[in-house]
Each structure stands twice: as C-alpha cells, then as structure tokens.
Amino acid sequence: QVQLVESGGGLVQPGGSLRLSCAASGSIFSFYSMGWYRQAPGQQRELVARTTRSGTRNYADSAKGRFTISRDNAKNQVYLQMNSLNVEDTAVYYCHAELIPGKDYWGQGTQVTVSS
C-alpha cells in the first residue's frame, strides 16, 4: 500500500508562487509515474503535471511555462513549483502515483487558493 501526503498549499495572491510537496511511503524510484492533478469546485479532476520513471514530463497547457514538476528519489518526494499563479489555479491539488500502469494511488489533497 502506497501512502501519499501532500503539503505546501495555502492562500497566495495573483502572480505569486507556491511549492507543493508530496511525500510517498515507498521508494518512488520504482514507480511508473508520479504527478499532480487538481480539482476546482464543480469541475472534473484534471492532470496538471506528470513525470515518468524514464524522465518524461508532461504538463497541462495551462501549466506550461509556469509550473515545474520534479522528483527527489532519495527523499521519495515529488514537487510542483507553481509560479505566476492566477485565480483560475484555485483548486484542491492531489498527488498521484502509478506504481505500474493502472495501479493508482492518491493523496488526500491540499487546497490552493489564489485571491487578492
């Protein structure tokens, strides 16, 4: 069983930055992929950024150029650096791990609110 714990969410003004962290209970080096999703009120959960074991990184169009996903295999952590935040980025952000394709795990989520 893989446990994922997010941290780093909070309230930030438009144009500000936040860094989300996700701590995994297992060795993420062997995970097929890890990523970040988000869900705004009344909306479906959507992919924000994803990194695979091979090093491939994928970003949602809305995140490209502003967000950066990274992983520290030694610390079993994945990060999401978010810059130039805007109100449309307000959502609950979830850490996601795919141990093998189709075997998914989710964190409990962390709230990000962008507001002046």
Protein backbone atom coordinates (compact mmCIF):
# COMPACT_ATOMS: atom_id res chain seq x y z
CA GLN A 1 0.00 0.00 0.00
CA VAL A 2 1.37 3.37 -1.02
CA GLN A 3 0.57 6.44 1.03
CA LEU A 4 0.94 9.92 -0.37
CA VAL A 5 0.90 13.05 1.77
CA GLU A 6 0.75 16.49 0.19
CA SER A 7 1.83 19.75 1.76
CA GLY A 8 2.54 23.31 0.73
CA GLY A 9 -0.90 24.55 -0.24
CA GLY A 10 -2.34 27.79 1.00
CA LEU A 11 -3.53 31.25 0.10
CA VAL A 12 -1.48 33.29 -2.34
CA GLN A 13 -2.06 36.50 -4.27
CA PRO A 14 -2.31 36.53 -8.06
CA GLY A 15 1.17 36.48 -9.54
CA GLY A 16 2.59 34.68 -6.53
CA SER A 17 4.25 31.30 -6.18
CA LEU A 18 3.78 28.12 -4.19
CA ARG A 19 5.69 24.89 -3.97
CA LEU A 20 3.73 21.73 -3.32
CA SER A 21 5.39 18.65 -1.91
CA CYS A 22 4.27 15.04 -1.94
CA ALA A 23 5.88 12.52 0.36
CA ALA A 24 5.48 8.88 -0.61
CA SER A 25 5.68 5.93 1.76
CA GLY A 26 7.52 3.77 -0.73
CA SER A 27 10.51 4.10 -3.00
CA ILE A 28 9.33 6.33 -5.83
CA PHE A 29 12.32 5.31 -7.90
CA SER A 30 10.39 2.21 -8.95
CA PHE A 31 7.08 3.99 -9.57
CA TYR A 32 5.96 4.07 -13.16
CA SER A 33 4.85 7.68 -12.83
CA MET A 34 4.04 10.39 -10.34
CA GLY A 35 2.11 13.53 -10.88
CA TRP A 36 -0.18 16.27 -9.74
CA TYR A 37 -3.85 16.67 -10.52
CA ARG A 38 -6.27 19.34 -9.44
CA GLN A 39 -9.98 19.70 -8.99
CA ALA A 40 -11.81 23.00 -8.79
CA PRO A 41 -15.35 23.24 -7.38
CA GLY A 42 -17.86 21.85 -9.84
CA GLN A 43 -15.16 20.67 -12.20
CA GLN A 44 -13.61 17.34 -13.02
CA ARG A 45 -10.20 16.37 -11.74
CA GLU A 46 -7.57 17.22 -14.33
CA LEU A 47 -3.92 16.50 -14.88
CA VAL A 48 -1.55 19.33 -14.07
CA ALA A 49 1.84 17.70 -14.47
CA ARG A 50 3.30 14.22 -14.58
CA THR A 51 6.74 12.68 -14.57
CA THR A 52 7.54 9.12 -15.51
CA ARG A 53 10.27 6.77 -14.38
CA SER A 54 12.06 7.34 -17.68
CA GLY A 55 12.19 11.09 -17.01
CA THR A 56 9.44 12.19 -19.34
CA ARG A 57 7.46 15.18 -18.11
CA ASN A 58 4.01 16.17 -19.28
CA TYR A 59 2.17 19.36 -18.48
CA ALA A 60 -1.34 20.62 -18.99
CA ASP A 61 -1.42 23.52 -21.43
CA SER A 62 -2.47 25.79 -18.56
CA ALA A 63 0.64 24.81 -16.61
CA LYS A 64 3.28 25.03 -19.33
CA GLY A 65 5.80 27.76 -18.70
CA ARG A 66 4.55 28.40 -15.17
CA PHE A 67 4.70 25.09 -13.31
CA THR A 68 7.59 22.68 -12.91
CA ILE A 69 7.37 19.11 -11.63
CA SER A 70 10.40 17.49 -10.10
CA ARG A 71 11.20 14.44 -8.05
CA ASP A 72 13.79 13.56 -5.44
CA ASN A 73 14.12 9.79 -5.48
CA ALA A 74 16.41 9.79 -2.46
CA LYS A 75 13.77 11.55 -0.36
CA ASN A 76 10.80 9.81 -2.00
CA GLN A 77 9.25 13.17 -2.75
CA VAL A 78 7.71 14.88 -5.73
CA TYR A 79 7.34 18.62 -6.01
CA LEU A 80 5.29 21.06 -8.01
CA GLN A 81 6.71 24.55 -8.27
CA MET A 82 3.95 26.92 -9.30
CA ASN A 83 4.76 30.43 -10.45
CA SER A 84 2.65 33.27 -11.83
CA LEU A 85 -0.44 31.87 -10.17
CA ASN A 86 -3.83 33.20 -11.16
CA VAL A 87 -7.33 32.79 -9.79
CA GLU A 88 -8.03 30.00 -12.26
CA ASP A 89 -5.40 27.91 -10.49
CA THR A 90 -7.55 27.77 -7.37
CA ALA A 91 -8.31 24.12 -6.67
CA VAL A 92 -7.54 21.15 -4.50
CA TYR A 93 -4.28 19.66 -5.71
CA TYR A 94 -3.79 15.92 -5.47
CA CYS A 95 -0.62 13.90 -5.63
CA HIS A 96 -0.90 10.82 -7.82
CA ALA A 97 1.30 7.76 -8.07
CA GLU A 98 1.13 4.98 -10.60
CA LEU A 99 3.03 2.01 -9.28
CA ILE A 100 2.53 0.12 -12.50
CA PRO A 101 0.22 1.20 -15.33
CA GLY A 102 -3.31 1.06 -13.98
CA LYS A 103 -2.42 0.72 -10.31
CA ASP A 104 -3.11 4.18 -8.92
CA TYR A 105 -2.75 5.85 -5.57
CA TRP A 106 -3.94 9.27 -4.47
CA GLY A 107 -3.11 11.68 -1.70
CA GLN A 108 -5.75 13.43 0.36
CA GLY A 109 -5.27 16.74 -1.45
CA THR A 110 -4.08 20.20 -0.50
CA GLN A 111 -6.03 23.39 -1.09
CA VAL A 112 -4.51 26.13 -3.22
CA THR A 113 -6.38 29.42 -3.23
CA VAL A 114 -5.31 32.33 -5.41
CA SER A 115 -7.01 35.52 -4.37
CA SER A 116 -6.28 39.16 -3.74
